[in-house]
Amino acid sequence: MAIKIVTDSTCDLPDEVIKEYDITVVPVYVNLGEESYQDGVDLNRNEFYSRIERHKIYPTTASPAIDHFSKAFSKLASKGADCILSIHLSSSIGGVFNVAQLASKNVKRILVHTFDTGQISIGTGFIVAAAAKMAKAGKNLNEIIASIQDLANRTYTFAMVDNLNFLKHSGRISQFKTLLGSILQVKPVLRFYRGIPSVEVVRTSKAAFDHLIRSIRSLGNLERLSVLHINAHERALILLREAEKQFAGQLSPRIIEVSPAIGTHIGPGAVGFAVIVASPEQ
């Protein structure tokens, strides 16, 4: 059975992985004022953050239209796919999964199964890549779903927020609302796990960095780790060096730049980690 993998542009997978495993990526829309761009297609990241800074505007995002997913599914079916597995960011913080699910009902020729990772950014990407590797290896749908569900249950994403205004404007993290108006200078550290976002508050960037390191150390042995950043490469390098020191010889962490579709809501300057906890058998 030929199983094809579909995801959205928030997964932050490197282009070489997308090409190697023939993953179909449906772009999310990022809106800057009156202009709308396809994330990862016609939106230059440097220009995006430069325009935000110059014009002091807050971007917004929009899910792809149902028709975009329907066309992607139909195209894969016409190319010989027997089944499609459509894997997306957490439905608790975005509408992409729900749109893909609705679109899957429009495809009658083949089975389209949708999967909610409960994650964001490369946390979703880890799961997408694992599914694509298994599909390429000839695993059946049930095997893939069982494996990525286990993987999703072991995946965490953490992010230190640098600019509170973006998180406030996005309205994505309900817990954050209790902080507004009561604390002026804070560095929230977000955690995403199994579709549930949570917030811890510290006072300084140094404390936030320490909190990030303690958070991933507390999870025990790790199978995978990536350093994330939103237009903050120098900060990401600091975290990378610390991660390499903490997990010397155990992991090969890499730096991932988060897509504007996620950066819109968390804001430039943010850094963090996405990790997979090692399974008990390891």
Protein backbone atom coordinates (compact mmCIF):
# COMPACT_ATOMS: atom_id res chain seq x y z
CA MET A 1 0.00 0.00 0.00
CA ALA A 2 1.39 3.40 -1.01
CA ILE A 3 0.91 5.76 1.95
CA LYS A 4 1.64 9.45 1.45
CA ILE A 5 2.19 12.04 4.17
CA VAL A 6 0.66 15.53 4.19
CA THR A 7 1.39 18.26 6.72
CA ASP A 8 1.30 22.04 7.03
CA SER A 9 4.01 24.69 6.94
CA THR A 10 4.18 25.07 10.72
CA CYS A 11 6.07 21.76 11.00
CA ASP A 12 9.43 23.50 10.35
CA LEU A 13 11.02 20.47 8.70
CA PRO A 14 14.17 21.17 6.70
CA ASP A 15 13.68 21.18 2.93
CA GLU A 16 15.97 18.18 2.49
CA VAL A 17 13.77 16.03 4.73
CA ILE A 18 10.62 17.12 2.90
CA LYS A 19 12.19 16.23 -0.44
CA GLU A 20 13.76 12.96 0.68
CA TYR A 21 10.49 11.57 1.97
CA ASP A 22 8.21 13.25 -0.57
CA ILE A 23 6.13 15.03 2.08
CA THR A 24 3.35 17.31 0.85
CA VAL A 25 3.29 20.62 2.75
CA VAL A 26 0.17 22.81 2.64
CA PRO A 27 1.07 26.41 3.54
CA VAL A 28 -0.61 28.40 6.28
CA TYR A 29 -1.38 32.05 5.46
CA VAL A 30 0.37 34.92 7.21
CA ASN A 31 -1.29 38.33 6.96
CA LEU A 32 0.61 41.62 7.19
CA GLY A 33 -1.88 44.45 7.11
CA GLU A 34 -3.82 44.09 3.86
CA GLU A 35 -1.34 41.64 2.33
CA SER A 36 -1.54 37.87 2.65
CA TYR A 37 1.35 35.45 2.11
CA GLN A 38 1.77 31.70 1.91
CA ASP A 39 4.08 30.65 4.72
CA GLY A 40 7.22 29.03 3.34
CA VAL A 41 6.29 29.84 -0.27
CA ASP A 42 6.27 33.58 -0.92
CA LEU A 43 7.24 34.99 2.49
CA ASN A 44 10.87 35.93 3.11
CA ARG A 45 11.55 35.53 6.82
CA ASN A 46 14.09 38.34 7.14
CA GLU A 47 11.81 40.76 5.33
CA PHE A 48 8.85 39.59 7.41
CA TYR A 49 10.50 40.45 10.74
CA SER A 50 12.00 43.63 9.31
CA ARG A 51 8.57 44.87 8.26
CA ILE A 52 7.10 44.04 11.65
CA GLU A 53 9.79 46.11 13.33
CA ARG A 54 9.61 49.02 10.87
CA HIS A 55 5.85 49.38 10.78
CA LYS A 56 5.05 48.26 14.33
CA ILE A 57 2.30 45.96 13.10
CA TYR A 58 1.11 42.66 14.48
CA PRO A 59 0.64 39.97 11.85
CA THR A 60 -2.12 37.40 11.93
CA THR A 61 -2.47 33.91 10.48
CA ALA A 62 -5.19 31.98 8.70
CA SER A 63 -5.59 28.28 8.04
CA PRO A 64 -5.48 27.04 4.45
CA ALA A 65 -8.88 26.77 2.79
CA ILE A 66 -10.56 23.37 2.73
CA ASP A 67 -10.11 23.36 -1.03
CA HIS A 68 -6.32 23.55 -0.66
CA PHE A 69 -6.28 20.33 1.32
CA SER A 70 -8.85 18.66 -0.93
CA LYS A 71 -6.72 19.43 -3.99
CA ALA A 72 -3.57 18.15 -2.27
CA PHE A 73 -5.30 14.91 -1.31
CA SER A 74 -6.80 14.43 -4.77
CA LYS A 75 -3.47 15.10 -6.45
CA LEU A 76 -1.76 12.41 -4.39
CA ALA A 77 -4.58 10.00 -5.15
CA SER A 78 -4.20 10.65 -8.88
CA LYS A 79 -0.48 9.88 -8.58
CA GLY A 80 -1.14 6.45 -7.12
CA ALA A 81 -1.44 6.93 -3.36
CA ASP A 82 -3.59 4.26 -1.73
CA CYS A 83 -3.87 6.10 1.57
CA ILE A 84 -2.98 9.54 2.97
CA LEU A 85 -1.94 10.40 6.51
CA SER A 86 -2.40 14.14 7.17
CA ILE A 87 -0.45 15.26 10.25
CA HIS A 88 -0.78 18.72 11.81
CA LEU A 89 -0.06 21.10 14.65
CA SER A 90 -2.14 20.96 17.80
CA SER A 91 -5.82 21.70 17.27
CA SER A 92 -5.80 23.46 20.66
CA ILE A 93 -3.81 26.38 19.24
CA GLY A 94 -4.74 26.46 15.54
CA GLY A 95 -7.48 25.49 13.12
CA VAL A 96 -5.37 23.68 10.51
CA PHE A 97 -6.12 20.19 11.80
CA ASN A 98 -9.86 20.83 11.75
CA VAL A 99 -9.70 22.13 8.17
CA ALA A 100 -7.72 19.08 7.06
CA GLN A 101 -10.23 16.84 8.79
CA LEU A 102 -13.13 18.49 6.97
CA ALA A 103 -11.27 18.23 3.65
CA SER A 104 -10.61 14.54 4.21
CA LYS A 105 -14.35 13.90 4.04
CA ASN A 106 -14.45 15.34 0.51
CA VAL A 107 -12.07 12.71 -0.83
CA LYS A 108 -13.93 9.56 -1.83
CA ARG A 109 -11.30 7.74 -3.88
CA ILE A 110 -8.96 6.82 -1.04
CA LEU A 111 -8.74 6.82 2.76
CA VAL A 112 -7.44 10.05 4.31
CA HIS A 113 -6.59 9.75 8.01
CA THR A 114 -5.89 12.94 10.00
CA PHE A 115 -3.61 13.06 13.03
CA ASP A 116 -3.36 15.80 15.68
CA THR A 117 0.20 15.89 17.03
CA GLY A 118 -0.63 18.07 20.03
CA GLN A 119 2.55 19.95 19.13
CA ILE A 120 3.96 23.00 17.34
CA SER A 121 6.95 23.72 15.12
CA ILE A 122 9.55 20.95 14.86
CA GLY A 123 7.71 19.12 17.65
CA THR A 124 5.16 18.43 14.91
CA GLY A 125 8.00 17.97 12.42
CA PHE A 126 9.55 15.14 14.46
CA ILE A 127 6.28 13.22 14.17
CA VAL A 128 5.76 14.00 10.48
CA ALA A 129 9.29 12.85 9.60
CA ALA A 130 8.90 9.63 11.58
CA ALA A 131 5.64 8.83 9.77
CA ALA A 132 7.20 9.57 6.39
CA LYS A 133 10.17 7.31 7.09
CA MET A 134 7.88 4.47 8.08
CA ALA A 135 5.69 4.99 5.01
CA LYS A 136 8.76 4.88 2.77
CA ALA A 137 9.84 1.66 4.50
CA GLY A 138 6.51 0.06 3.61
CA LYS A 139 4.85 0.02 7.04
CA ASN A 140 1.07 -0.15 7.06
CA LEU A 141 -1.22 2.63 8.33
CA ASN A 142 -1.99 1.01 11.67
CA GLU A 143 1.70 0.50 12.39
CA ILE A 144 2.50 4.10 11.54
CA ILE A 145 -0.35 5.55 13.62
CA ALA A 146 0.59 3.46 16.66
CA SER A 147 4.22 4.49 16.37
CA ILE A 148 3.60 8.22 15.95
CA GLN A 149 1.04 8.23 18.77
CA ASP A 150 3.73 6.85 21.05
CA LEU A 151 6.14 9.46 19.69
CA ALA A 152 3.63 12.29 20.25
CA ASN A 153 3.26 11.15 23.86
CA ARG A 154 7.02 11.58 24.32
CA THR A 155 7.42 14.95 22.55
CA TYR A 156 7.69 18.29 24.33
CA THR A 157 8.30 21.84 23.10
CA PHE A 158 9.49 24.71 25.30
CA ALA A 159 9.85 28.38 24.37
CA MET A 160 11.02 31.49 26.21
CA VAL A 161 8.91 34.45 25.08
CA ASP A 162 10.88 37.67 24.61
CA ASN A 163 8.15 40.06 23.45
CA LEU A 164 4.93 39.78 25.44
CA ASN A 165 2.92 41.90 23.01
CA PHE A 166 2.81 39.19 20.33
CA LEU A 167 1.51 36.58 22.74
CA LYS A 168 -1.03 39.06 24.08
CA HIS A 169 -2.17 40.03 20.58
CA SER A 170 -2.48 36.43 19.40
CA GLY A 171 -4.80 35.34 22.22
CA ARG A 172 -3.58 31.76 21.72
CA ILE A 173 -2.53 31.02 25.32
CA SER A 174 -5.49 31.57 27.63
CA GLN A 175 -3.39 31.10 30.77
CA PHE A 176 -1.31 34.11 29.77
CA LYS A 177 -4.25 36.47 30.15
CA THR A 178 -4.02 36.28 33.94
CA LEU A 179 -0.56 37.87 33.76
CA LEU A 180 -1.53 40.91 31.75
CA GLY A 181 -1.70 44.14 33.68
CA SER A 182 -0.24 42.60 36.83
CA ILE A 183 3.38 41.91 35.89
CA LEU A 184 5.28 44.21 33.56
CA GLN A 185 8.75 42.71 33.21
CA VAL A 186 8.59 38.94 32.92
CA LYS A 187 9.90 36.19 30.67
CA PRO A 188 7.18 33.55 30.23
CA VAL A 189 8.36 30.05 29.39
CA LEU A 190 5.77 28.12 27.42
CA ARG A 191 5.45 24.34 27.38
CA PHE A 192 3.49 22.39 24.77
CA TYR A 193 2.70 18.77 25.53
CA ARG A 194 -0.12 16.57 24.20
CA GLY A 195 -2.13 19.57 23.06
CA ILE A 196 -1.96 21.39 26.39
CA PRO A 197 -0.04 24.68 26.53
CA SER A 198 1.12 25.89 29.93
CA VAL A 199 3.05 28.92 31.17
CA GLU A 200 5.75 29.38 33.81
CA VAL A 201 6.87 32.91 34.65
CA VAL A 202 10.40 34.01 35.50
CA ARG A 203 11.87 37.49 35.88
CA THR A 204 14.93 37.60 33.64
CA SER A 205 16.32 36.12 30.43
CA LYS A 206 19.04 34.34 32.44
CA ALA A 207 16.41 32.76 34.68
CA ALA A 208 14.40 31.76 31.61
CA PHE A 209 17.44 30.09 30.02
CA ASP A 210 18.11 28.21 33.25
CA HIS A 211 14.46 27.19 33.41
CA LEU A 212 14.62 25.83 29.85
CA ILE A 213 17.67 23.70 30.67
CA ARG A 214 16.14 22.42 33.91
CA SER A 215 12.91 21.57 32.08
CA ILE A 216 14.56 19.30 29.54
CA ARG A 217 16.92 17.76 32.12
CA SER A 218 13.92 16.87 34.29
CA LEU A 219 12.49 14.73 31.49
CA GLY A 220 15.27 12.16 31.81
CA ASN A 221 17.03 10.54 28.87
CA LEU A 222 16.31 12.13 25.52
CA GLU A 223 16.10 10.57 22.07
CA ARG A 224 16.11 13.80 20.07
CA LEU A 225 16.66 17.51 20.67
CA SER A 226 16.46 20.63 18.51
CA VAL A 227 17.06 24.25 19.48
CA LEU A 228 14.35 26.60 18.21
CA HIS A 229 14.47 30.32 17.60
CA ILE A 230 12.38 33.11 16.12
CA ASN A 231 14.72 35.63 14.49
CA ALA A 232 17.18 35.09 17.38
CA HIS A 233 20.06 33.05 16.00
CA GLU A 234 22.66 34.32 18.49
CA ARG A 235 20.50 33.32 21.44
CA ALA A 236 19.91 29.95 19.80
CA LEU A 237 23.67 29.41 19.58
CA ILE A 238 23.96 30.02 23.33
CA LEU A 239 21.27 27.42 23.99
CA LEU A 240 22.89 25.01 21.55
CA ARG A 241 26.24 25.23 23.34
CA GLU A 242 24.53 24.67 26.69
CA ALA A 243 22.60 21.68 25.33
CA GLU A 244 25.79 20.18 23.91
CA LYS A 245 27.42 20.59 27.31
CA GLN A 246 24.49 19.07 29.18
CA PHE A 247 24.12 16.10 26.85
CA ALA A 248 27.74 15.64 25.79
CA GLY A 249 28.07 12.71 23.41
CA GLN A 250 24.44 11.67 23.82
CA LEU A 251 22.68 13.85 21.23
CA SER A 252 23.44 15.83 18.09
CA PRO A 253 21.20 18.89 18.48
CA ARG A 254 20.54 21.20 15.56
CA ILE A 255 19.14 24.72 15.28
CA ILE A 256 15.72 25.21 13.67
CA GLU A 257 14.32 28.60 12.69
CA VAL A 258 10.62 28.71 13.48
CA SER A 259 8.23 29.61 10.68
CA PRO A 260 6.51 33.03 10.57
CA ALA A 261 3.20 31.20 11.03
CA ILE A 262 4.31 30.30 14.56
CA GLY A 263 6.47 33.39 15.06
CA THR A 264 3.41 35.56 14.51
CA HIS A 265 1.94 34.33 17.79
CA ILE A 266 5.03 33.91 19.97
CA GLY A 267 7.04 36.83 18.66
CA PRO A 268 10.62 37.50 17.53
CA GLY A 269 13.41 36.92 20.03
CA ALA A 270 11.94 33.69 21.37
CA VAL A 271 14.15 30.62 21.80
CA GLY A 272 13.52 27.15 23.10
CA PHE A 273 13.78 23.41 22.69
CA ALA A 274 11.82 20.60 21.08
CA VAL A 275 12.67 17.19 22.49
CA ILE A 276 11.64 13.57 22.31
CA VAL A 277 11.98 11.64 25.57
CA ALA A 278 13.64 8.25 25.15
CA SER A 279 11.23 5.32 25.24
CA PRO A 280 11.47 2.96 28.27
CA GLU A 281 12.98 0.27 26.05
CA GLN A 282 15.97 2.43 25.17
